[in-house]
Amino acid sequence: MNLDSETISKLIVIGRQAGNTILPFFKQNPKTTLKKDHTPVTEADKASHTLILSALLSMKLDIPIISEE
């Protein structure tokens, strides 16, 4: 898959936004819950997942999106 420079720039912005989204959680003790497979997931994980998924969907890329969360 070839991505144009505009798309790559947007993806970089999404990555930075996701990083900024989780920073406040590390200044506190983020709440952790267990997923169905008994692995931990934090509020920071969920927040970054929501932001990334929403941003990717809004870009209407014709690619599959796979997420651990």
PDB file of N, CA and C in Angstrom:
ATOM      1  N   MET A   1       0.846  -1.173   0.000  1.00  0.00           N
ATOM      2  CA  MET A   1       0.000   0.000   0.000  1.00  0.00           C
ATOM      3  C   MET A   1       0.886   1.229   0.000  1.00  0.00           C
ATOM      4  N   ASN A   2       0.595   2.131  -0.881  1.00  0.00           N
ATOM      5  CA  ASN A   2       1.309   3.404  -0.945  1.00  0.00           C
ATOM      6  C   ASN A   2       0.420   4.504  -0.391  1.00  0.00           C
ATOM      7  N   LEU A   3       0.976   5.269   0.522  1.00  0.00           N
ATOM      8  CA  LEU A   3       0.251   6.393   1.102  1.00  0.00           C
ATOM      9  C   LEU A   3       0.909   7.685   0.654  1.00  0.00           C
ATOM     10  N   ASP A   4       0.079   8.669   0.305  1.00  0.00           N
ATOM     11  CA  ASP A   4       0.635   9.952  -0.110  1.00  0.00           C
ATOM     12  C   ASP A   4       1.103  10.740   1.114  1.00  0.00           C
ATOM     13  N   SER A   5       1.877  11.767   0.876  1.00  0.00           N
ATOM     14  CA  SER A   5       2.477  12.528   1.973  1.00  0.00           C
ATOM     15  C   SER A   5       1.417  13.208   2.849  1.00  0.00           C
ATOM     16  N   GLU A   6       0.303  13.611   2.261  1.00  0.00           N
ATOM     17  CA  GLU A   6      -0.767  14.232   3.058  1.00  0.00           C
ATOM     18  C   GLU A   6      -1.351  13.224   4.048  1.00  0.00           C
ATOM     19  N   THR A   7      -1.576  12.003   3.596  1.00  0.00           N
ATOM     20  CA  THR A   7      -2.111  10.960   4.473  1.00  0.00           C
ATOM     21  C   THR A   7      -1.114  10.618   5.571  1.00  0.00           C
ATOM     22  N   ILE A   8       0.147  10.519   5.204  1.00  0.00           N
ATOM     23  CA  ILE A   8       1.179  10.227   6.202  1.00  0.00           C
ATOM     24  C   ILE A   8       1.248  11.344   7.240  1.00  0.00           C
ATOM     25  N   SER A   9       1.148  12.576   6.808  1.00  0.00           N
ATOM     26  CA  SER A   9       1.154  13.711   7.744  1.00  0.00           C
ATOM     27  C   SER A   9      -0.028  13.628   8.706  1.00  0.00           C
ATOM     28  N   LYS A  10      -1.198  13.268   8.199  1.00  0.00           N
ATOM     29  CA  LYS A  10      -2.382  13.131   9.054  1.00  0.00           C
ATOM     30  C   LYS A  10      -2.183  12.012  10.071  1.00  0.00           C
ATOM     31  N   LEU A  11      -1.574  10.907   9.646  1.00  0.00           N
ATOM     32  CA  LEU A  11      -1.332   9.787  10.555  1.00  0.00           C
ATOM     33  C   LEU A  11      -0.348  10.169  11.654  1.00  0.00           C
ATOM     34  N   ILE A  12       0.642  10.968  11.311  1.00  0.00           N
ATOM     35  CA  ILE A  12       1.596  11.451  12.318  1.00  0.00           C
ATOM     36  C   ILE A  12       0.878  12.321  13.344  1.00  0.00           C
ATOM     37  N   VAL A  13      -0.011  13.190  12.879  1.00  0.00           N
ATOM     38  CA  VAL A  13      -0.785  14.047  13.792  1.00  0.00           C
ATOM     39  C   VAL A  13      -1.631  13.182  14.723  1.00  0.00           C
ATOM     40  N   ILE A  14      -2.265  12.149  14.189  1.00  0.00           N
ATOM     41  CA  ILE A  14      -3.081  11.249  15.013  1.00  0.00           C
ATOM     42  C   ILE A  14      -2.219  10.596  16.088  1.00  0.00           C
ATOM     43  N   GLY A  15      -1.034  10.147  15.718  1.00  0.00           N
ATOM     44  CA  GLY A  15      -0.126   9.542  16.699  1.00  0.00           C
ATOM     45  C   GLY A  15       0.244  10.507  17.807  1.00  0.00           C
ATOM     46  N   ARG A  16       0.519  11.741  17.430  1.00  0.00           N
ATOM     47  CA  ARG A  16       0.857  12.755  18.440  1.00  0.00           C
ATOM     48  C   ARG A  16      -0.340  13.062  19.334  1.00  0.00           C
ATOM     49  N   GLN A  17      -1.516  13.158  18.738  1.00  0.00           N
ATOM     50  CA  GLN A  17      -2.721  13.413  19.529  1.00  0.00           C
ATOM     51  C   GLN A  17      -2.961  12.275  20.516  1.00  0.00           C
ATOM     52  N   ALA A  18      -2.751  11.053  20.074  1.00  0.00           N
ATOM     53  CA  ALA A  18      -2.931   9.899  20.961  1.00  0.00           C
ATOM     54  C   ALA A  18      -1.937   9.964  22.118  1.00  0.00           C
ATOM     55  N   GLY A  19      -0.701  10.338  21.815  1.00  0.00           N
ATOM     56  CA  GLY A  19       0.293  10.484  22.875  1.00  0.00           C
ATOM     57  C   GLY A  19      -0.100  11.562  23.872  1.00  0.00           C
ATOM     58  N   ASN A  20      -0.595  12.688  23.369  1.00  0.00           N
ATOM     59  CA  ASN A  20      -1.038  13.772  24.253  1.00  0.00           C
ATOM     60  C   ASN A  20      -2.256  13.365  25.068  1.00  0.00           C
ATOM     61  N   THR A  21      -3.080  12.490  24.514  1.00  0.00           N
ATOM     62  CA  THR A  21      -4.272  12.019  25.216  1.00  0.00           C
ATOM     63  C   THR A  21      -3.904  11.180  26.436  1.00  0.00           C
ATOM     64  N   ILE A  22      -2.846  10.391  26.329  1.00  0.00           N
ATOM     65  CA  ILE A  22      -2.510   9.500  27.451  1.00  0.00           C
ATOM     66  C   ILE A  22      -1.618  10.146  28.502  1.00  0.00           C
ATOM     67  N   LEU A  23      -0.938  11.234  28.158  1.00  0.00           N
ATOM     68  CA  LEU A  23      -0.029  11.860  29.125  1.00  0.00           C
ATOM     69  C   LEU A  23      -0.668  12.190  30.471  1.00  0.00           C
ATOM     70  N   PRO A  24      -1.857  12.792  30.506  1.00  0.00           N
ATOM     71  CA  PRO A  24      -2.451  13.115  31.809  1.00  0.00           C
ATOM     72  C   PRO A  24      -2.678  11.887  32.701  1.00  0.00           C
ATOM     73  N   PHE A  25      -2.881  10.737  32.100  1.00  0.00           N
ATOM     74  CA  PHE A  25      -3.125   9.525  32.886  1.00  0.00           C
ATOM     75  C   PHE A  25      -1.879   9.096  33.654  1.00  0.00           C
ATOM     76  N   PHE A  26      -0.706   9.426  33.150  1.00  0.00           N
ATOM     77  CA  PHE A  26       0.521   9.004  33.799  1.00  0.00           C
ATOM     78  C   PHE A  26       0.923   9.916  34.949  1.00  0.00           C
ATOM     79  N   LYS A  27       0.218  11.025  35.097  1.00  0.00           N
ATOM     80  CA  LYS A  27       0.437  11.897  36.241  1.00  0.00           C
ATOM     81  C   LYS A  27      -0.403  11.445  37.425  1.00  0.00           C
ATOM     82  N   GLN A  28      -1.233  10.469  37.185  1.00  0.00           N
ATOM     83  CA  GLN A  28      -2.069   9.895  38.232  1.00  0.00           C
ATOM     84  C   GLN A  28      -1.894   8.385  38.158  1.00  0.00           C
ATOM     85  N   ASN A  29      -2.644   7.676  38.916  1.00  0.00           N
ATOM     86  CA  ASN A  29      -2.612   6.218  38.869  1.00  0.00           C
ATOM     87  C   ASN A  29      -3.806   5.768  38.029  1.00  0.00           C
ATOM     88  N   PRO A  30      -3.589   5.498  36.725  1.00  0.00           N
ATOM     89  CA  PRO A  30      -4.733   5.184  35.869  1.00  0.00           C
ATOM     90  C   PRO A  30      -5.455   3.906  36.310  1.00  0.00           C
ATOM     91  N   LYS A  31      -6.764   3.972  36.231  1.00  0.00           N
ATOM     92  CA  LYS A  31      -7.592   2.825  36.597  1.00  0.00           C
ATOM     93  C   LYS A  31      -7.347   1.693  35.591  1.00  0.00           C
ATOM     94  N   THR A  32      -7.164   0.501  36.117  1.00  0.00           N
ATOM     95  CA  THR A  32      -6.935  -0.674  35.280  1.00  0.00           C
ATOM     96  C   THR A  32      -8.065  -1.672  35.490  1.00  0.00           C
ATOM     97  N   THR A  33      -8.560  -2.209  34.402  1.00  0.00           N
ATOM     98  CA  THR A  33      -9.560  -3.270  34.460  1.00  0.00           C
ATOM     99  C   THR A  33      -9.021  -4.460  33.672  1.00  0.00           C
ATOM    100  N   LEU A  34      -9.714  -5.574  33.779  1.00  0.00           N
ATOM    101  CA  LEU A  34      -9.307  -6.756  33.036  1.00  0.00           C
ATOM    102  C   LEU A  34     -10.253  -6.989  31.872  1.00  0.00           C
ATOM    103  N   LYS A  35      -9.652  -7.325  30.723  1.00  0.00           N
ATOM    104  CA  LYS A  35     -10.453  -7.674  29.551  1.00  0.00           C
ATOM    105  C   LYS A  35     -10.929  -9.115  29.709  1.00  0.00           C
ATOM    106  N   LYS A  36     -11.750  -9.562  28.782  1.00  0.00           N
ATOM    107  CA  LYS A  36     -12.288 -10.923  28.845  1.00  0.00           C
ATOM    108  C   LYS A  36     -11.199 -11.986  28.886  1.00  0.00           C
ATOM    109  N   ASP A  37     -10.060 -11.685  28.261  1.00  0.00           N
ATOM    110  CA  ASP A  37      -8.958 -12.661  28.261  1.00  0.00           C
ATOM    111  C   ASP A  37      -8.052 -12.504  29.480  1.00  0.00           C
ATOM    112  N   HIS A  38      -8.512 -11.704  30.448  1.00  0.00           N
ATOM    113  CA  HIS A  38      -7.835 -11.480  31.725  1.00  0.00           C
ATOM    114  C   HIS A  38      -6.531 -10.697  31.598  1.00  0.00           C
ATOM    115  N   THR A  39      -6.362  -9.947  30.509  1.00  0.00           N
ATOM    116  CA  THR A  39      -5.216  -9.055  30.383  1.00  0.00           C
ATOM    117  C   THR A  39      -5.650  -7.644  30.788  1.00  0.00           C
ATOM    118  N   PRO A  40      -4.735  -6.868  31.342  1.00  0.00           N
ATOM    119  CA  PRO A  40      -5.100  -5.529  31.823  1.00  0.00           C
ATOM    120  C   PRO A  40      -5.290  -4.523  30.699  1.00  0.00           C
ATOM    121  N   VAL A  41      -6.163  -3.576  30.951  1.00  0.00           N
ATOM    122  CA  VAL A  41      -6.359  -2.433  30.058  1.00  0.00           C
ATOM    123  C   VAL A  41      -6.588  -1.218  30.951  1.00  0.00           C
ATOM    124  N   THR A  42      -5.907  -0.129  30.630  1.00  0.00           N
ATOM    125  CA  THR A  42      -6.035   1.074  31.443  1.00  0.00           C
ATOM    126  C   THR A  42      -6.963   2.082  30.781  1.00  0.00           C
ATOM    127  N   GLU A  43      -7.346   3.083  31.560  1.00  0.00           N
ATOM    128  CA  GLU A  43      -8.145   4.182  31.009  1.00  0.00           C
ATOM    129  C   GLU A  43      -7.361   4.881  29.891  1.00  0.00           C
ATOM    130  N   ALA A  44      -6.050   4.955  30.029  1.00  0.00           N
ATOM    131  CA  ALA A  44      -5.214   5.563  28.992  1.00  0.00           C
ATOM    132  C   ALA A  44      -5.297   4.751  27.700  1.00  0.00           C
ATOM    133  N   ASP A  45      -5.263   3.417  27.820  1.00  0.00           N
ATOM    134  CA  ASP A  45      -5.398   2.553  26.641  1.00  0.00           C
ATOM    135  C   ASP A  45      -6.716   2.822  25.923  1.00  0.00           C
ATOM    136  N   LYS A  46      -7.778   2.877  26.692  1.00  0.00           N
ATOM    137  CA  LYS A  46      -9.106   3.080  26.109  1.00  0.00           C
ATOM    138  C   LYS A  46      -9.229   4.452  25.454  1.00  0.00           C
ATOM    139  N   ALA A  47      -8.672   5.475  26.105  1.00  0.00           N
ATOM    140  CA  ALA A  47      -8.753   6.837  25.565  1.00  0.00           C
ATOM    141  C   ALA A  47      -7.985   6.953  24.249  1.00  0.00           C
ATOM    142  N   SER A  48      -6.782   6.388  24.204  1.00  0.00           N
ATOM    143  CA  SER A  48      -6.002   6.472  22.969  1.00  0.00           C
ATOM    144  C   SER A  48      -6.649   5.648  21.867  1.00  0.00           C
ATOM    145  N   HIS A  49      -7.189   4.497  22.214  1.00  0.00           N
ATOM    146  CA  HIS A  49      -7.887   3.660  21.230  1.00  0.00           C
ATOM    147  C   HIS A  49      -9.060   4.419  20.613  1.00  0.00           C
ATOM    148  N   THR A  50      -9.853   5.053  21.447  1.00  0.00           N
ATOM    149  CA  THR A  50     -11.027   5.789  20.969  1.00  0.00           C
ATOM    150  C   THR A  50     -10.616   6.911  20.023  1.00  0.00           C
ATOM    151  N   LEU A  51      -9.586   7.660  20.408  1.00  0.00           N
ATOM    152  CA  LEU A  51      -9.121   8.758  19.567  1.00  0.00           C
ATOM    153  C   LEU A  51      -8.602   8.234  18.225  1.00  0.00           C
ATOM    154  N   ILE A  52      -7.743   7.228  18.266  1.00  0.00           N
ATOM    155  CA  ILE A  52      -7.149   6.702  17.033  1.00  0.00           C
ATOM    156  C   ILE A  52      -8.213   6.121  16.116  1.00  0.00           C
ATOM    157  N   LEU A  53      -9.097   5.323  16.667  1.00  0.00           N
ATOM    158  CA  LEU A  53     -10.145   4.697  15.852  1.00  0.00           C
ATOM    159  C   LEU A  53     -11.034   5.750  15.203  1.00  0.00           C
ATOM    160  N   SER A  54     -11.457   6.731  15.979  1.00  0.00           N
ATOM    161  CA  SER A  54     -12.316   7.785  15.453  1.00  0.00           C
ATOM    162  C   SER A  54     -11.617   8.564  14.334  1.00  0.00           C
ATOM    163  N   ALA A  55     -10.350   8.906  14.561  1.00  0.00           N
ATOM    164  CA  ALA A  55      -9.608   9.676  13.564  1.00  0.00           C
ATOM    165  C   ALA A  55      -9.403   8.875  12.280  1.00  0.00           C
ATOM    166  N   LEU A  56      -9.053   7.597  12.411  1.00  0.00           N
ATOM    167  CA  LEU A  56      -8.856   6.770  11.224  1.00  0.00           C
ATOM    168  C   LEU A  56     -10.157   6.593  10.449  1.00  0.00           C
ATOM    169  N   LEU A  57     -11.249   6.370  11.159  1.00  0.00           N
ATOM    170  CA  LEU A  57     -12.537   6.210  10.479  1.00  0.00           C
ATOM    171  C   LEU A  57     -12.931   7.492   9.746  1.00  0.00           C
ATOM    172  N   SER A  58     -12.622   8.641  10.340  1.00  0.00           N
ATOM    173  CA  SER A  58     -12.983   9.904   9.692  1.00  0.00           C
ATOM    174  C   SER A  58     -12.164  10.149   8.425  1.00  0.00           C
ATOM    175  N   MET A  59     -11.006   9.513   8.318  1.00  0.00           N
ATOM    176  CA  MET A  59     -10.174   9.661   7.122  1.00  0.00           C
ATOM    177  C   MET A  59     -10.707   8.828   5.949  1.00  0.00           C
ATOM    178  N   LYS A  60     -11.610   7.907   6.254  1.00  0.00           N
ATOM    179  CA  LYS A  60     -12.239   7.055   5.231  1.00  0.00           C
ATOM    180  C   LYS A  60     -11.202   6.360   4.345  1.00  0.00           C
ATOM    181  N   LEU A  61     -10.189   5.812   5.004  1.00  0.00           N
ATOM    182  CA  LEU A  61      -9.181   5.042   4.289  1.00  0.00           C
ATOM    183  C   LEU A  61      -9.757   3.677   3.934  1.00  0.00           C
ATOM    184  N   ASP A  62      -9.342   3.148   2.843  1.00  0.00           N
ATOM    185  CA  ASP A  62      -9.825   1.833   2.428  1.00  0.00           C
ATOM    186  C   ASP A  62      -8.850   0.769   2.922  1.00  0.00           C
ATOM    187  N   ILE A  63      -8.710   0.715   4.256  1.00  0.00           N
ATOM    188  CA  ILE A  63      -7.812  -0.253   4.872  1.00  0.00           C
ATOM    189  C   ILE A  63      -8.503  -0.849   6.098  1.00  0.00           C
ATOM    190  N   PRO A  64      -8.169  -2.086   6.432  1.00  0.00           N
ATOM    191  CA  PRO A  64      -8.722  -2.669   7.661  1.00  0.00           C
ATOM    192  C   PRO A  64      -8.057  -2.030   8.884  1.00  0.00           C
ATOM    193  N   ILE A  65      -8.803  -1.923   9.946  1.00  0.00           N
ATOM    194  CA  ILE A  65      -8.261  -1.391  11.195  1.00  0.00           C
ATOM    195  C   ILE A  65      -8.305  -2.511  12.218  1.00  0.00           C
ATOM    196  N   ILE A  66      -7.130  -2.840  12.743  1.00  0.00           N
ATOM    197  CA  ILE A  66      -7.013  -3.890  13.756  1.00  0.00           C
ATOM    198  C   ILE A  66      -6.500  -3.233  15.017  1.00  0.00           C
ATOM    199  N   SER A  67      -7.139  -3.515  16.139  1.00  0.00           N
ATOM    200  CA  SER A  67      -6.733  -2.901  17.395  1.00  0.00           C
ATOM    201  C   SER A  67      -6.672  -3.943  18.499  1.00  0.00           C
ATOM    202  N   GLU A  68      -5.696  -3.825  19.341  1.00  0.00           N
ATOM    203  CA  GLU A  68      -5.612  -4.717  20.495  1.00  0.00           C
ATOM    204  C   GLU A  68      -6.765  -4.428  21.456  1.00  0.00           C
ATOM    205  N   GLU A  69      -7.144  -3.167  21.556  1.00  0.00           N
ATOM    206  CA  GLU A  69      -8.195  -2.793  22.480  1.00  0.00           C
ATOM    207  C   GLU A  69      -9.521  -2.924  21.781  1.00  0.00           C
TER     208      GLU A  69
END
